[in-house]
mmCIF file of all heavy atoms, coordinates in Angstrom:
data_MODEL
# 
_entry.id   MODEL 
# 
loop_
_atom_site.group_PDB 
_atom_site.id 
_atom_site.type_symbol 
_atom_site.label_atom_id 
_atom_site.label_alt_id 
_atom_site.label_comp_id 
_atom_site.label_asym_id 
_atom_site.label_entity_id 
_atom_site.label_seq_id 
_atom_site.pdbx_PDB_ins_code 
_atom_site.Cartn_x 
_atom_site.Cartn_y 
_atom_site.Cartn_z 
_atom_site.occupancy 
_atom_site.B_iso_or_equiv 
_atom_site.pdbx_formal_charge 
_atom_site.auth_seq_id 
_atom_site.auth_comp_id 
_atom_site.auth_asym_id 
_atom_site.auth_atom_id 
_atom_site.pdbx_PDB_model_num 
ATOM 1   N N   . GLU A 1 1  ? 0.806   -1.232  -0.002  1.00 0.00 ? 1  GLU A N   1 
ATOM 2   C CA  . GLU A 1 1  ? -0.008  -0.002  0.011   1.00 0.00 ? 1  GLU A CA  1 
ATOM 3   C C   . GLU A 1 1  ? 0.849   1.283   0.001   1.00 0.00 ? 1  GLU A C   1 
ATOM 4   O O   . GLU A 1 1  ? 0.532   2.207   -0.768  1.00 0.00 ? 1  GLU A O   1 
ATOM 5   C CB  . GLU A 1 1  ? -0.985  -0.006  1.173   1.00 0.00 ? 1  GLU A CB  1 
ATOM 6   C CG  . GLU A 1 1  ? -1.985  1.120   1.160   1.00 0.00 ? 1  GLU A CG  1 
ATOM 7   C CD  . GLU A 1 1  ? -2.914  1.104   -0.035  1.00 0.00 ? 1  GLU A CD  1 
ATOM 8   O OE1 . GLU A 1 1  ? -3.291  0.030   -0.527  1.00 0.00 ? 1  GLU A OE1 1 
ATOM 9   O OE2 . GLU A 1 1  ? -3.285  2.224   -0.488  1.00 0.00 ? 1  GLU A OE2 1 
ATOM 10  N N   . PRO A 1 2  ? 1.919   1.422   0.788   1.00 0.00 ? 2  PRO A N   1 
ATOM 11  C CA  . PRO A 1 2  ? 2.694   2.664   0.730   1.00 0.00 ? 2  PRO A CA  1 
ATOM 12  C C   . PRO A 1 2  ? 3.405   2.867   -0.626  1.00 0.00 ? 2  PRO A C   1 
ATOM 13  O O   . PRO A 1 2  ? 3.758   3.979   -0.970  1.00 0.00 ? 2  PRO A O   1 
ATOM 14  C CB  . PRO A 1 2  ? 3.750   2.493   1.840   1.00 0.00 ? 2  PRO A CB  1 
ATOM 15  C CG  . PRO A 1 2  ? 3.264   1.392   2.679   1.00 0.00 ? 2  PRO A CG  1 
ATOM 16  C CD  . PRO A 1 2  ? 2.355   0.519   1.834   1.00 0.00 ? 2  PRO A CD  1 
ATOM 17  N N   . HIS A 1 3  ? 3.580   1.786   -1.380  1.00 0.00 ? 3  HIS A N   1 
ATOM 18  C CA  . HIS A 1 3  ? 4.315   1.858   -2.639  1.00 0.00 ? 3  HIS A CA  1 
ATOM 19  C C   . HIS A 1 3  ? 3.418   1.883   -3.858  1.00 0.00 ? 3  HIS A C   1 
ATOM 20  O O   . HIS A 1 3  ? 3.769   2.480   -4.870  1.00 0.00 ? 3  HIS A O   1 
ATOM 21  C CB  . HIS A 1 3  ? 5.266   0.664   -2.730  1.00 0.00 ? 3  HIS A CB  1 
ATOM 22  C CG  . HIS A 1 3  ? 6.119   0.483   -1.515  1.00 0.00 ? 3  HIS A CG  1 
ATOM 23  N ND1 . HIS A 1 3  ? 7.176   1.313   -1.218  1.00 0.00 ? 3  HIS A ND1 1 
ATOM 24  C CD2 . HIS A 1 3  ? 6.020   -0.402  -0.498  1.00 0.00 ? 3  HIS A CD2 1 
ATOM 25  C CE1 . HIS A 1 3  ? 7.700   0.923   -0.058  1.00 0.00 ? 3  HIS A CE1 1 
ATOM 26  N NE2 . HIS A 1 3  ? 7.030   -0.101  0.379   1.00 0.00 ? 3  HIS A NE2 1 
ATOM 27  N N   . ILE A 1 4  ? 2.274   1.229   -3.748  1.00 0.00 ? 4  ILE A N   1 
ATOM 28  C CA  . ILE A 1 4  ? 1.295   1.145   -4.832  1.00 0.00 ? 4  ILE A CA  1 
ATOM 29  C C   . ILE A 1 4  ? -0.082  1.324   -4.229  1.00 0.00 ? 4  ILE A C   1 
ATOM 30  O O   . ILE A 1 4  ? -0.582  0.389   -3.630  1.00 0.00 ? 4  ILE A O   1 
ATOM 31  C CB  . ILE A 1 4  ? 1.373   -0.190  -5.624  1.00 0.00 ? 4  ILE A CB  1 
ATOM 32  C CG1 . ILE A 1 4  ? 2.807   -0.525  -6.046  1.00 0.00 ? 4  ILE A CG1 1 
ATOM 33  C CG2 . ILE A 1 4  ? 0.433   -0.179  -6.792  1.00 0.00 ? 4  ILE A CG2 1 
ATOM 34  C CD1 . ILE A 1 4  ? 2.974   -1.924  -6.561  1.00 0.00 ? 4  ILE A CD1 1 
ATOM 35  N N   . SER A 1 5  ? -0.656  2.504   -4.369  1.00 0.00 ? 5  SER A N   1 
ATOM 36  C CA  . SER A 1 5  ? -1.945  2.750   -3.710  1.00 0.00 ? 5  SER A CA  1 
ATOM 37  C C   . SER A 1 5  ? -3.105  2.031   -4.415  1.00 0.00 ? 5  SER A C   1 
ATOM 38  O O   . SER A 1 5  ? -3.080  1.860   -5.626  1.00 0.00 ? 5  SER A O   1 
ATOM 39  C CB  . SER A 1 5  ? -2.227  4.253   -3.637  1.00 0.00 ? 5  SER A CB  1 
ATOM 40  O OG  . SER A 1 5  ? -2.230  4.803   -4.917  1.00 0.00 ? 5  SER A OG  1 
ATOM 41  N N   . ASN A 1 6  ? -4.040  1.584   -3.602  1.00 0.00 ? 6  ASN A N   1 
ATOM 42  C CA  . ASN A 1 6  ? -5.267  0.930   -4.078  1.00 0.00 ? 6  ASN A CA  1 
ATOM 43  C C   . ASN A 1 6  ? -5.004  -0.217  -5.053  1.00 0.00 ? 6  ASN A C   1 
ATOM 44  O O   . ASN A 1 6  ? -5.678  -0.346  -6.067  1.00 0.00 ? 6  ASN A O   1 
ATOM 45  C CB  . ASN A 1 6  ? -6.191  1.966   -4.749  1.00 0.00 ? 6  ASN A CB  1 
ATOM 46  C CG  . ASN A 1 6  ? -6.623  3.036   -3.770  1.00 0.00 ? 6  ASN A CG  1 
ATOM 47  O OD1 . ASN A 1 6  ? -6.890  2.755   -2.608  1.00 0.00 ? 6  ASN A OD1 1 
ATOM 48  N ND2 . ASN A 1 6  ? -6.626  4.294   -4.253  1.00 0.00 ? 6  ASN A ND2 1 
ATOM 49  N N   . ILE A 1 7  ? -4.106  -1.082  -4.697  1.00 0.00 ? 7  ILE A N   1 
ATOM 50  C CA  . ILE A 1 7  ? -3.804  -2.227  -5.593  1.00 0.00 ? 7  ILE A CA  1 
ATOM 51  C C   . ILE A 1 7  ? -4.780  -3.355  -5.279  1.00 0.00 ? 7  ILE A C   1 
ATOM 52  O O   . ILE A 1 7  ? -4.974  -3.723  -4.116  1.00 0.00 ? 7  ILE A O   1 
ATOM 53  C CB  . ILE A 1 7  ? -2.344  -2.657  -5.481  1.00 0.00 ? 7  ILE A CB  1 
ATOM 54  C CG1 . ILE A 1 7  ? -2.049  -3.776  -6.479  1.00 0.00 ? 7  ILE A CG1 1 
ATOM 55  C CG2 . ILE A 1 7  ? -1.943  -3.046  -4.093  1.00 0.00 ? 7  ILE A CG2 1 
ATOM 56  C CD1 . ILE A 1 7  ? -0.570  -4.062  -6.691  1.00 0.00 ? 7  ILE A CD1 1 
ATOM 57  N N   . SER A 1 8  ? -5.417  -3.884  -6.315  1.00 0.00 ? 8  SER A N   1 
ATOM 58  C CA  . SER A 1 8  ? -6.362  -4.972  -6.150  1.00 0.00 ? 8  SER A CA  1 
ATOM 59  C C   . SER A 1 8  ? -5.637  -6.298  -6.336  1.00 0.00 ? 8  SER A C   1 
ATOM 60  O O   . SER A 1 8  ? -4.478  -6.361  -6.761  1.00 0.00 ? 8  SER A O   1 
ATOM 61  C CB  . SER A 1 8  ? -7.452  -4.837  -7.210  1.00 0.00 ? 8  SER A CB  1 
ATOM 62  O OG  . SER A 1 8  ? -6.925  -5.081  -8.511  1.00 0.00 ? 8  SER A OG  1 
ATOM 63  N N   . TYR A 1 9  ? -6.373  -7.392  -6.023  1.00 0.00 ? 9  TYR A N   1 
ATOM 64  C CA  . TYR A 1 9  ? -5.802  -8.717  -6.221  1.00 0.00 ? 9  TYR A CA  1 
ATOM 65  C C   . TYR A 1 9  ? -5.417  -8.941  -7.668  1.00 0.00 ? 9  TYR A C   1 
ATOM 66  O O   . TYR A 1 9  ? -4.324  -9.398  -7.981  1.00 0.00 ? 9  TYR A O   1 
ATOM 67  C CB  . TYR A 1 9  ? -6.826  -9.799  -5.820  1.00 0.00 ? 9  TYR A CB  1 
ATOM 68  C CG  . TYR A 1 9  ? -6.953  -10.019 -4.352  1.00 0.00 ? 9  TYR A CG  1 
ATOM 69  C CD1 . TYR A 1 9  ? -7.889  -9.281  -3.609  1.00 0.00 ? 9  TYR A CD1 1 
ATOM 70  C CD2 . TYR A 1 9  ? -6.168  -10.950 -3.683  1.00 0.00 ? 9  TYR A CD2 1 
ATOM 71  C CE1 . TYR A 1 9  ? -8.023  -9.473  -2.247  1.00 0.00 ? 9  TYR A CE1 1 
ATOM 72  C CE2 . TYR A 1 9  ? -6.301  -11.129 -2.336  1.00 0.00 ? 9  TYR A CE2 1 
ATOM 73  C CZ  . TYR A 1 9  ? -7.227  -10.410 -1.626  1.00 0.00 ? 9  TYR A CZ  1 
ATOM 74  O OH  . TYR A 1 9  ? -7.343  -10.601 -0.260  1.00 0.00 ? 9  TYR A OH  1 
ATOM 75  N N   . ARG A 1 10 ? -6.348  -8.617  -8.565  1.00 0.00 ? 10 ARG A N   1 
ATOM 76  C CA  . ARG A 1 10 ? -6.093  -8.842  -10.009 1.00 0.00 ? 10 ARG A CA  1 
ATOM 77  C C   . ARG A 1 10 ? -4.895  -8.025  -10.460 1.00 0.00 ? 10 ARG A C   1 
ATOM 78  O O   . ARG A 1 10 ? -4.036  -8.532  -11.217 1.00 0.00 ? 10 ARG A O   1 
ATOM 79  C CB  . ARG A 1 10 ? -7.324  -8.488  -10.815 1.00 0.00 ? 10 ARG A CB  1 
ATOM 80  C CG  . ARG A 1 10 ? -8.448  -9.484  -10.645 1.00 0.00 ? 10 ARG A CG  1 
ATOM 81  C CD  . ARG A 1 10 ? -9.623  -9.181  -11.520 1.00 0.00 ? 10 ARG A CD  1 
ATOM 82  N NE  . ARG A 1 10 ? -9.194  -9.253  -12.920 1.00 0.00 ? 10 ARG A NE  1 
ATOM 83  C CZ  . ARG A 1 10 ? -9.973  -9.039  -13.939 1.00 0.00 ? 10 ARG A CZ  1 
ATOM 84  N NH1 . ARG A 1 10 ? -11.222 -8.725  -13.748 1.00 0.00 ? 10 ARG A NH1 1 
ATOM 85  N NH2 . ARG A 1 10 ? -9.513  -9.152  -15.159 1.00 0.00 ? 10 ARG A NH2 1 
ATOM 86  N N   . THR A 1 11 ? -4.816  -6.761  -10.060 1.00 0.00 ? 11 THR A N   1 
ATOM 87  C CA  . THR A 1 11 ? -3.690  -5.941  -10.470 1.00 0.00 ? 11 THR A CA  1 
ATOM 88  C C   . THR A 1 11 ? -2.385  -6.484  -9.867  1.00 0.00 ? 11 THR A C   1 
ATOM 89  O O   . THR A 1 11 ? -1.361  -6.547  -10.580 1.00 0.00 ? 11 THR A O   1 
ATOM 90  C CB  . THR A 1 11 ? -3.908  -4.483  -9.996  1.00 0.00 ? 11 THR A CB  1 
ATOM 91  O OG1 . THR A 1 11 ? -5.110  -3.994  -10.571 1.00 0.00 ? 11 THR A OG1 1 
ATOM 92  C CG2 . THR A 1 11 ? -2.744  -3.602  -10.412 1.00 0.00 ? 11 THR A CG2 1 
ATOM 93  N N   . TYR A 1 12 ? -2.429  -6.919  -8.633  1.00 0.00 ? 12 TYR A N   1 
ATOM 94  C CA  . TYR A 1 12 ? -1.242  -7.493  -8.026  1.00 0.00 ? 12 TYR A CA  1 
ATOM 95  C C   . TYR A 1 12 ? -0.725  -8.699  -8.819  1.00 0.00 ? 12 TYR A C   1 
ATOM 96  O O   . TYR A 1 12 ? 0.452   -8.793  -9.178  1.00 0.00 ? 12 TYR A O   1 
ATOM 97  C CB  . TYR A 1 12 ? -1.526  -7.924  -6.565  1.00 0.00 ? 12 TYR A CB  1 
ATOM 98  C CG  . TYR A 1 12 ? -0.483  -8.850  -6.003  1.00 0.00 ? 12 TYR A CG  1 
ATOM 99  C CD1 . TYR A 1 12 ? 0.794   -8.399  -5.722  1.00 0.00 ? 12 TYR A CD1 1 
ATOM 100 C CD2 . TYR A 1 12 ? -0.776  -10.205 -5.815  1.00 0.00 ? 12 TYR A CD2 1 
ATOM 101 C CE1 . TYR A 1 12 ? 1.775   -9.266  -5.239  1.00 0.00 ? 12 TYR A CE1 1 
ATOM 102 C CE2 . TYR A 1 12 ? 0.182   -11.094 -5.336  1.00 0.00 ? 12 TYR A CE2 1 
ATOM 103 C CZ  . TYR A 1 12 ? 1.438   -10.611 -5.051  1.00 0.00 ? 12 TYR A CZ  1 
ATOM 104 O OH  . TYR A 1 12 ? 2.395   -11.483 -4.590  1.00 0.00 ? 12 TYR A OH  1 
ATOM 105 N N   . TYR A 1 13 ? -1.636  -9.651  -9.124  1.00 0.00 ? 13 TYR A N   1 
ATOM 106 C CA  . TYR A 1 13 ? -1.195  -10.845 -9.815  1.00 0.00 ? 13 TYR A CA  1 
ATOM 107 C C   . TYR A 1 13 ? -0.727  -10.513 -11.241 1.00 0.00 ? 13 TYR A C   1 
ATOM 108 O O   . TYR A 1 13 ? 0.249   -11.110 -11.757 1.00 0.00 ? 13 TYR A O   1 
ATOM 109 C CB  . TYR A 1 13 ? -2.291  -11.904 -9.825  1.00 0.00 ? 13 TYR A CB  1 
ATOM 110 C CG  . TYR A 1 13 ? -2.394  -12.625 -8.491  1.00 0.00 ? 13 TYR A CG  1 
ATOM 111 C CD1 . TYR A 1 13 ? -3.480  -12.398 -7.651  1.00 0.00 ? 13 TYR A CD1 1 
ATOM 112 C CD2 . TYR A 1 13 ? -1.383  -13.470 -8.060  1.00 0.00 ? 13 TYR A CD2 1 
ATOM 113 C CE1 . TYR A 1 13 ? -3.562  -13.016 -6.420  1.00 0.00 ? 13 TYR A CE1 1 
ATOM 114 C CE2 . TYR A 1 13 ? -1.444  -14.085 -6.825  1.00 0.00 ? 13 TYR A CE2 1 
ATOM 115 C CZ  . TYR A 1 13 ? -2.547  -13.848 -6.018  1.00 0.00 ? 13 TYR A CZ  1 
ATOM 116 O OH  . TYR A 1 13 ? -2.592  -14.482 -4.773  1.00 0.00 ? 13 TYR A OH  1 
ATOM 117 N N   . ARG A 1 14 ? -1.390  -9.584  -11.893 1.00 0.00 ? 14 ARG A N   1 
ATOM 118 C CA  . ARG A 1 14 ? -0.985  -9.161  -13.243 1.00 0.00 ? 14 ARG A CA  1 
ATOM 119 C C   . ARG A 1 14 ? 0.408   -8.514  -13.182 1.00 0.00 ? 14 ARG A C   1 
ATOM 120 O O   . ARG A 1 14 ? 1.291   -8.867  -13.987 1.00 0.00 ? 14 ARG A O   1 
ATOM 121 C CB  . ARG A 1 14 ? -2.022  -8.180  -13.835 1.00 0.00 ? 14 ARG A CB  1 
ATOM 122 C CG  . ARG A 1 14 ? -1.743  -7.785  -15.269 1.00 0.00 ? 14 ARG A CG  1 
ATOM 123 C CD  . ARG A 1 14 ? -2.842  -6.918  -15.852 1.00 0.00 ? 14 ARG A CD  1 
ATOM 124 N NE  . ARG A 1 14 ? -3.402  -5.900  -14.964 1.00 0.00 ? 14 ARG A NE  1 
ATOM 125 C CZ  . ARG A 1 14 ? -2.826  -4.745  -14.684 1.00 0.00 ? 14 ARG A CZ  1 
ATOM 126 N NH1 . ARG A 1 14 ? -1.685  -4.416  -15.229 1.00 0.00 ? 14 ARG A NH1 1 
ATOM 127 N NH2 . ARG A 1 14 ? -3.408  -3.866  -13.874 1.00 0.00 ? 14 ARG A NH2 1 
ATOM 128 N N   . LYS A 1 15 ? 0.602   -7.613  -12.229 1.00 0.00 ? 15 LYS A N   1 
ATOM 129 C CA  . LYS A 1 15 ? 1.907   -6.952  -12.123 1.00 0.00 ? 15 LYS A CA  1 
ATOM 130 C C   . LYS A 1 15 ? 2.987   -7.905  -11.627 1.00 0.00 ? 15 LYS A C   1 
ATOM 131 O O   . LYS A 1 15 ? 4.141   -7.784  -12.020 1.00 0.00 ? 15 LYS A O   1 
ATOM 132 C CB  . LYS A 1 15 ? 1.794   -5.734  -11.181 1.00 0.00 ? 15 LYS A CB  1 
ATOM 133 C CG  . LYS A 1 15 ? 1.069   -4.556  -11.825 1.00 0.00 ? 15 LYS A CG  1 
ATOM 134 C CD  . LYS A 1 15 ? 1.083   -3.346  -10.898 1.00 0.00 ? 15 LYS A CD  1 
ATOM 135 C CE  . LYS A 1 15 ? 0.343   -2.209  -11.539 1.00 0.00 ? 15 LYS A CE  1 
ATOM 136 N NZ  . LYS A 1 15 ? 1.234   -1.187  -12.023 1.00 0.00 ? 15 LYS A NZ  1 
ATOM 137 N N   . ARG A 1 16 ? 2.606   -8.858  -10.773 1.00 0.00 ? 16 ARG A N   1 
ATOM 138 C CA  . ARG A 1 16 ? 3.615   -9.814  -10.325 1.00 0.00 ? 16 ARG A CA  1 
ATOM 139 C C   . ARG A 1 16 ? 4.089   -10.638 -11.517 1.00 0.00 ? 16 ARG A C   1 
ATOM 140 O O   . ARG A 1 16 ? 5.306   -10.885 -11.659 1.00 0.00 ? 16 ARG A O   1 
ATOM 141 C CB  . ARG A 1 16 ? 3.036   -10.731 -9.242  1.00 0.00 ? 16 ARG A CB  1 
ATOM 142 C CG  . ARG A 1 16 ? 4.113   -11.649 -8.620  1.00 0.00 ? 16 ARG A CG  1 
ATOM 143 C CD  . ARG A 1 16 ? 3.545   -12.580 -7.625  1.00 0.00 ? 16 ARG A CD  1 
ATOM 144 N NE  . ARG A 1 16 ? 2.868   -13.644 -8.305  1.00 0.00 ? 16 ARG A NE  1 
ATOM 145 C CZ  . ARG A 1 16 ? 2.312   -14.700 -7.699  1.00 0.00 ? 16 ARG A CZ  1 
ATOM 146 N NH1 . ARG A 1 16 ? 2.333   -14.777 -6.376  1.00 0.00 ? 16 ARG A NH1 1 
ATOM 147 N NH2 . ARG A 1 16 ? 1.694   -15.640 -8.379  1.00 0.00 ? 16 ARG A NH2 1 
ATOM 148 N N   . HIS A 1 17 ? 3.155   -11.071 -12.337 1.00 0.00 ? 17 HIS A N   1 
ATOM 149 C CA  . HIS A 1 17 ? 3.543   -11.826 -13.534 1.00 0.00 ? 17 HIS A CA  1 
ATOM 150 C C   . HIS A 1 17 ? 4.460   -10.958 -14.434 1.00 0.00 ? 17 HIS A C   1 
ATOM 151 O O   . HIS A 1 17 ? 5.477   -11.462 -14.922 1.00 0.00 ? 17 HIS A O   1 
ATOM 152 C CB  . HIS A 1 17 ? 2.279   -12.275 -14.299 1.00 0.00 ? 17 HIS A CB  1 
ATOM 153 C CG  . HIS A 1 17 ? 2.608   -12.997 -15.576 1.00 0.00 ? 17 HIS A CG  1 
ATOM 154 N ND1 . HIS A 1 17 ? 3.040   -14.312 -15.600 1.00 0.00 ? 17 HIS A ND1 1 
ATOM 155 C CD2 . HIS A 1 17 ? 2.584   -12.574 -16.859 1.00 0.00 ? 17 HIS A CD2 1 
ATOM 156 C CE1 . HIS A 1 17 ? 3.281   -14.651 -16.851 1.00 0.00 ? 17 HIS A CE1 1 
ATOM 157 N NE2 . HIS A 1 17 ? 3.002   -13.616 -17.629 1.00 0.00 ? 17 HIS A NE2 1 
ATOM 158 N N   . ALA A 1 18 ? 4.083   -9.724  -14.640 1.00 0.00 ? 18 ALA A N   1 
ATOM 159 C CA  . ALA A 1 18 ? 4.889   -8.827  -15.485 1.00 0.00 ? 18 ALA A CA  1 
ATOM 160 C C   . ALA A 1 18 ? 6.273   -8.593  -14.873 1.00 0.00 ? 18 ALA A C   1 
ATOM 161 O O   . ALA A 1 18 ? 7.291   -8.537  -15.597 1.00 0.00 ? 18 ALA A O   1 
ATOM 162 C CB  . ALA A 1 18 ? 4.171   -7.499  -15.681 1.00 0.00 ? 18 ALA A CB  1 
ATOM 163 N N   . ALA A 1 19 ? 6.354   -8.480  -13.548 1.00 0.00 ? 19 ALA A N   1 
ATOM 164 C CA  . ALA A 1 19 ? 7.628   -8.290  -12.861 1.00 0.00 ? 19 ALA A CA  1 
ATOM 165 C C   . ALA A 1 19 ? 8.524   -9.509  -13.016 1.00 0.00 ? 19 ALA A C   1 
ATOM 166 O O   . ALA A 1 19 ? 9.715   -9.397  -13.280 1.00 0.00 ? 19 ALA A O   1 
ATOM 167 C CB  . ALA A 1 19 ? 7.402   -8.023  -11.379 1.00 0.00 ? 19 ALA A CB  1 
ATOM 168 N N   . VAL A 1 20 ? 7.966   -10.693 -12.910 1.00 0.00 ? 20 VAL A N   1 
ATOM 169 C CA  . VAL A 1 20 ? 8.733   -11.926 -13.093 1.00 0.00 ? 20 VAL A CA  1 
ATOM 170 C C   . VAL A 1 20 ? 9.210   -12.032 -14.532 1.00 0.00 ? 20 VAL A C   1 
ATOM 171 O O   . VAL A 1 20 ? 10.385  -12.419 -14.770 1.00 0.00 ? 20 VAL A O   1 
ATOM 172 C CB  . VAL A 1 20 ? 7.895   -13.185 -12.669 1.00 0.00 ? 20 VAL A CB  1 
ATOM 173 C CG1 . VAL A 1 20 ? 8.603   -14.468 -13.050 1.00 0.00 ? 20 VAL A CG1 1 
ATOM 174 C CG2 . VAL A 1 20 ? 7.635   -13.151 -11.170 1.00 0.00 ? 20 VAL A CG2 1 
ATOM 175 N N   . GLU A 1 21 ? 8.383   -11.684 -15.492 1.00 0.00 ? 21 GLU A N   1 
ATOM 176 C CA  . GLU A 1 21 ? 8.775   -11.695 -16.889 1.00 0.00 ? 21 GLU A CA  1 
ATOM 177 C C   . GLU A 1 21 ? 9.903   -10.722 -17.172 1.00 0.00 ? 21 GLU A C   1 
ATOM 178 O O   . GLU A 1 21 ? 10.861  -11.024 -17.856 1.00 0.00 ? 21 GLU A O   1 
ATOM 179 C CB  . GLU A 1 21 ? 7.565   -11.423 -17.805 1.00 0.00 ? 21 GLU A CB  1 
ATOM 180 C CG  . GLU A 1 21 ? 6.575   -12.529 -17.875 1.00 0.00 ? 21 GLU A CG  1 
ATOM 181 C CD  . GLU A 1 21 ? 7.118   -13.808 -18.477 1.00 0.00 ? 21 GLU A CD  1 
ATOM 182 O OE1 . GLU A 1 21 ? 7.792   -13.725 -19.517 1.00 0.00 ? 21 GLU A OE1 1 
ATOM 183 O OE2 . GLU A 1 21 ? 6.928   -14.885 -17.875 1.00 0.00 ? 21 GLU A OE2 1 
ATOM 184 N N   . ALA A 1 22 ? 9.776   -9.501  -16.609 1.00 0.00 ? 22 ALA A N   1 
ATOM 185 C CA  . ALA A 1 22 ? 10.812  -8.492  -16.818 1.00 0.00 ? 22 ALA A CA  1 
ATOM 186 C C   . ALA A 1 22 ? 12.122  -8.935  -16.189 1.00 0.00 ? 22 ALA A C   1 
ATOM 187 O O   . ALA A 1 22 ? 13.206  -8.805  -16.793 1.00 0.00 ? 22 ALA A O   1 
ATOM 188 C CB  . ALA A 1 22 ? 10.346  -7.149  -16.233 1.00 0.00 ? 22 ALA A CB  1 
ATOM 189 N N   . LEU A 1 23 ? 12.063  -9.501  -14.998 1.00 0.00 ? 23 LEU A N   1 
ATOM 190 C CA  . LEU A 1 23 ? 13.263  -10.036 -14.345 1.00 0.00 ? 23 LEU A CA  1 
ATOM 191 C C   . LEU A 1 23 ? 13.849  -11.176 -15.136 1.00 0.00 ? 23 LEU A C   1 
ATOM 192 O O   . LEU A 1 23 ? 15.076  -11.301 -15.254 1.00 0.00 ? 23 LEU A O   1 
ATOM 193 C CB  . LEU A 1 23 ? 12.934  -10.467 -12.932 1.00 0.00 ? 23 LEU A CB  1 
ATOM 194 C CG  . LEU A 1 23 ? 14.089  -10.989 -12.106 1.00 0.00 ? 23 LEU A CG  1 
ATOM 195 C CD1 . LEU A 1 23 ? 15.175  -9.962  -11.928 1.00 0.00 ? 23 LEU A CD1 1 
ATOM 196 C CD2 . LEU A 1 23 ? 13.603  -11.494 -10.753 1.00 0.00 ? 23 LEU A CD2 1 
ATOM 197 N N   . SER A 1 24 ? 12.984  -12.020 -15.689 1.00 0.00 ? 24 SER A N   1 
ATOM 198 C CA  . SER A 1 24 ? 13.457  -13.160 -16.468 1.00 0.00 ? 24 SER A CA  1 
ATOM 199 C C   . SER A 1 24 ? 14.281  -12.708 -17.680 1.00 0.00 ? 24 SER A C   1 
ATOM 200 O O   . SER A 1 24 ? 15.286  -13.330 -18.008 1.00 0.00 ? 24 SER A O   1 
ATOM 201 C CB  . SER A 1 24 ? 12.230  -13.966 -16.937 1.00 0.00 ? 24 SER A CB  1 
ATOM 202 O OG  . SER A 1 24 ? 12.640  -15.160 -17.529 1.00 0.00 ? 24 SER A OG  1 
ATOM 203 N N   . THR A 1 25 ? 13.845  -11.641 -18.353 1.00 0.00 ? 25 THR A N   1 
ATOM 204 C CA  . THR A 1 25 ? 14.617  -11.155 -19.504 1.00 0.00 ? 25 THR A CA  1 
ATOM 205 C C   . THR A 1 25 ? 15.989  -10.638 -19.071 1.00 0.00 ? 25 THR A C   1 
ATOM 206 O O   . THR A 1 25 ? 16.945  -10.730 -19.828 1.00 0.00 ? 25 THR A O   1 
ATOM 207 C CB  . THR A 1 25 ? 13.862  -10.087 -20.312 1.00 0.00 ? 25 THR A CB  1 
ATOM 208 O OG1 . THR A 1 25 ? 13.593  -8.975  -19.479 1.00 0.00 ? 25 THR A OG1 1 
ATOM 209 C CG2 . THR A 1 25 ? 12.571  -10.647 -20.881 1.00 0.00 ? 25 THR A CG2 1 
ATOM 210 N N   . ILE A 1 26 ? 16.074  -10.075 -17.866 1.00 0.00 ? 26 ILE A N   1 
ATOM 211 C CA  . ILE A 1 26 ? 17.351  -9.610  -17.388 1.00 0.00 ? 26 ILE A CA  1 
ATOM 212 C C   . ILE A 1 26 ? 18.250  -10.831 -17.036 1.00 0.00 ? 26 ILE A C   1 
ATOM 213 O O   . ILE A 1 26 ? 19.433  -10.859 -17.397 1.00 0.00 ? 26 ILE A O   1 
ATOM 214 C CB  . ILE A 1 26 ? 17.203  -8.733  -16.140 1.00 0.00 ? 26 ILE A CB  1 
ATOM 215 C CG1 . ILE A 1 26 ? 16.520  -7.400  -16.530 1.00 0.00 ? 26 ILE A CG1 1 
ATOM 216 C CG2 . ILE A 1 26 ? 18.543  -8.428  -15.509 1.00 0.00 ? 26 ILE A CG2 1 
ATOM 217 C CD1 . ILE A 1 26 ? 16.072  -6.561  -15.372 1.00 0.00 ? 26 ILE A CD1 1 
# 
């Protein structure tokens, strides 16, 4: 919450997937 305001479950899982994908390319 202090870092990403009003984050929902769906947004969290979508962004978590995107974060893992971005990290994977690195």
